[in-house]
């Protein structure tokens, strides 16, 4: 299964990005629940490894993250499909 570790976006930021993306002529808009910040792309992983990872992350204690976004850049070569 194609997998990654990500942080969800605060609702107000996700709302703003969803409205912004709807005005773009790039790629296709994504449902608000799909908006996130990818921390690590894991590629294809077996289901049992993902279950172990999920349990480890669930048990871990993380501090709140603060981030500031300064801009967006189209990614994906000649035909961009992602904003980073």
C-alpha atoms as a PDB file:
ATOM      1  CA  UNK A   1       0.000   0.000   0.000  1.00  0.00           C
ATOM      2  CA  UNK A   2       1.362   3.458  -0.939  1.00  0.00           C
ATOM      3  CA  UNK A   3       2.023   5.165   2.386  1.00  0.00           C
ATOM      4  CA  UNK A   4       3.252   8.321   4.055  1.00  0.00           C
ATOM      5  CA  UNK A   5       3.436   9.982   7.456  1.00  0.00           C
ATOM      6  CA  UNK A   6       1.654  13.338   7.554  1.00  0.00           C
ATOM      7  CA  UNK A   7       0.234  16.055   9.765  1.00  0.00           C
ATOM      8  CA  UNK A   8      -3.361  17.177   9.311  1.00  0.00           C
ATOM      9  CA  UNK A   9      -3.927  20.887   8.778  1.00  0.00           C
ATOM     10  CA  UNK A  10      -5.836  23.100  11.192  1.00  0.00           C
ATOM     11  CA  UNK A  11      -9.416  23.500   9.975  1.00  0.00           C
ATOM     12  CA  UNK A  12      -9.120  27.246   9.304  1.00  0.00           C
ATOM     13  CA  UNK A  13      -5.979  26.762   7.181  1.00  0.00           C
ATOM     14  CA  UNK A  14      -7.507  23.825   5.301  1.00  0.00           C
ATOM     15  CA  UNK A  15     -10.596  25.953   4.554  1.00  0.00           C
ATOM     16  CA  UNK A  16      -8.427  28.757   3.181  1.00  0.00           C
ATOM     17  CA  UNK A  17      -6.404  26.368   1.020  1.00  0.00           C
ATOM     18  CA  UNK A  18      -9.542  24.690  -0.292  1.00  0.00           C
ATOM     19  CA  UNK A  19     -10.969  28.058  -1.392  1.00  0.00           C
ATOM     20  CA  UNK A  20      -7.632  29.045  -2.936  1.00  0.00           C
ATOM     21  CA  UNK A  21      -7.269  25.737  -4.814  1.00  0.00           C
ATOM     22  CA  UNK A  22     -10.773  26.076  -6.273  1.00  0.00           C
ATOM     23  CA  UNK A  23      -9.578  29.189  -8.157  1.00  0.00           C
ATOM     24  CA  UNK A  24      -6.500  27.527  -9.680  1.00  0.00           C
ATOM     25  CA  UNK A  25      -6.264  26.116 -13.170  1.00  0.00           C
ATOM     26  CA  UNK A  26      -3.763  23.532 -12.005  1.00  0.00           C
ATOM     27  CA  UNK A  27      -4.332  19.897 -11.161  1.00  0.00           C
ATOM     28  CA  UNK A  28      -7.656  18.991  -9.641  1.00  0.00           C
ATOM     29  CA  UNK A  29      -9.083  20.178  -6.329  1.00  0.00           C
ATOM     30  CA  UNK A  30      -8.827  17.687  -3.476  1.00  0.00           C
ATOM     31  CA  UNK A  31     -11.375  17.099  -0.731  1.00  0.00           C
ATOM     32  CA  UNK A  32     -10.557  19.113   2.365  1.00  0.00           C
ATOM     33  CA  UNK A  33      -9.945  15.923   4.380  1.00  0.00           C
ATOM     34  CA  UNK A  34      -7.059  15.051   1.986  1.00  0.00           C
ATOM     35  CA  UNK A  35      -5.111  18.247   2.697  1.00  0.00           C
ATOM     36  CA  UNK A  36      -2.056  17.594   4.870  1.00  0.00           C
ATOM     37  CA  UNK A  37       1.673  18.219   5.323  1.00  0.00           C
ATOM     38  CA  UNK A  38       3.684  15.149   4.338  1.00  0.00           C
ATOM     39  CA  UNK A  39       6.557  14.434   6.715  1.00  0.00           C
ATOM     40  CA  UNK A  40       7.823  11.231   5.104  1.00  0.00           C
ATOM     41  CA  UNK A  41       6.873   9.262   2.007  1.00  0.00           C
ATOM     42  CA  UNK A  42       7.225   5.537   2.712  1.00  0.00           C
ATOM     43  CA  UNK A  43       6.417   4.110  -0.713  1.00  0.00           C
ATOM     44  CA  UNK A  44       4.702   0.731  -0.950  1.00  0.00           C
ATOM     45  CA  UNK A  45       4.543  -1.022   2.424  1.00  0.00           C
ATOM     46  CA  UNK A  46       2.941  -4.277   3.582  1.00  0.00           C
ATOM     47  CA  UNK A  47      -0.191  -3.934   5.704  1.00  0.00           C
ATOM     48  CA  UNK A  48       1.383  -5.526   8.802  1.00  0.00           C
ATOM     49  CA  UNK A  49       4.275  -3.025   8.760  1.00  0.00           C
ATOM     50  CA  UNK A  50       1.775  -0.168   8.500  1.00  0.00           C
ATOM     51  CA  UNK A  51      -0.196  -1.534  11.456  1.00  0.00           C
ATOM     52  CA  UNK A  52       2.998  -1.638  13.551  1.00  0.00           C
ATOM     53  CA  UNK A  53       3.883   1.917  12.497  1.00  0.00           C
ATOM     54  CA  UNK A  54       0.362   3.146  13.249  1.00  0.00           C
ATOM     55  CA  UNK A  55       0.495   1.645  16.747  1.00  0.00           C
ATOM     56  CA  UNK A  56       3.954   3.140  17.419  1.00  0.00           C
ATOM     57  CA  UNK A  57       2.894   6.600  16.261  1.00  0.00           C
ATOM     58  CA  UNK A  58      -0.343   6.349  18.222  1.00  0.00           C
ATOM     59  CA  UNK A  59       1.602   5.547  21.409  1.00  0.00           C
ATOM     60  CA  UNK A  60       4.184   8.314  20.898  1.00  0.00           C
ATOM     61  CA  UNK A  61       3.891  11.696  22.561  1.00  0.00           C
ATOM     62  CA  UNK A  62       4.570  14.652  20.281  1.00  0.00           C
ATOM     63  CA  UNK A  63       4.697  18.349  21.015  1.00  0.00           C
ATOM     64  CA  UNK A  64       2.516  20.750  19.054  1.00  0.00           C
ATOM     65  CA  UNK A  65       4.083  21.886  15.793  1.00  0.00           C
ATOM     66  CA  UNK A  66       4.031  25.496  14.636  1.00  0.00           C
ATOM     67  CA  UNK A  67       4.705  26.208  10.985  1.00  0.00           C
ATOM     68  CA  UNK A  68       4.587  29.219   8.737  1.00  0.00           C
ATOM     69  CA  UNK A  69       3.848  28.976   5.028  1.00  0.00           C
ATOM     70  CA  UNK A  70       5.571  31.523   2.818  1.00  0.00           C
ATOM     71  CA  UNK A  71       4.326  30.447  -0.607  1.00  0.00           C
ATOM     72  CA  UNK A  72       3.348  27.645  -2.922  1.00  0.00           C
ATOM     73  CA  UNK A  73       5.269  26.019  -5.742  1.00  0.00           C
ATOM     74  CA  UNK A  74       3.816  23.782  -8.462  1.00  0.00           C
ATOM     75  CA  UNK A  75       5.448  20.332  -8.494  1.00  0.00           C
ATOM     76  CA  UNK A  76       5.270  17.577 -11.075  1.00  0.00           C
ATOM     77  CA  UNK A  77       7.386  18.621 -14.057  1.00  0.00           C
ATOM     78  CA  UNK A  78       5.853  20.003 -17.251  1.00  0.00           C
ATOM     79  CA  UNK A  79       2.342  19.195 -16.050  1.00  0.00           C
ATOM     80  CA  UNK A  80       2.272  20.108 -12.338  1.00  0.00           C
ATOM     81  CA  UNK A  81      -0.163  18.110 -10.239  1.00  0.00           C
ATOM     82  CA  UNK A  82       0.773  19.141  -6.701  1.00  0.00           C
ATOM     83  CA  UNK A  83       1.395  22.394  -4.878  1.00  0.00           C
ATOM     84  CA  UNK A  84       4.265  22.241  -2.405  1.00  0.00           C
END
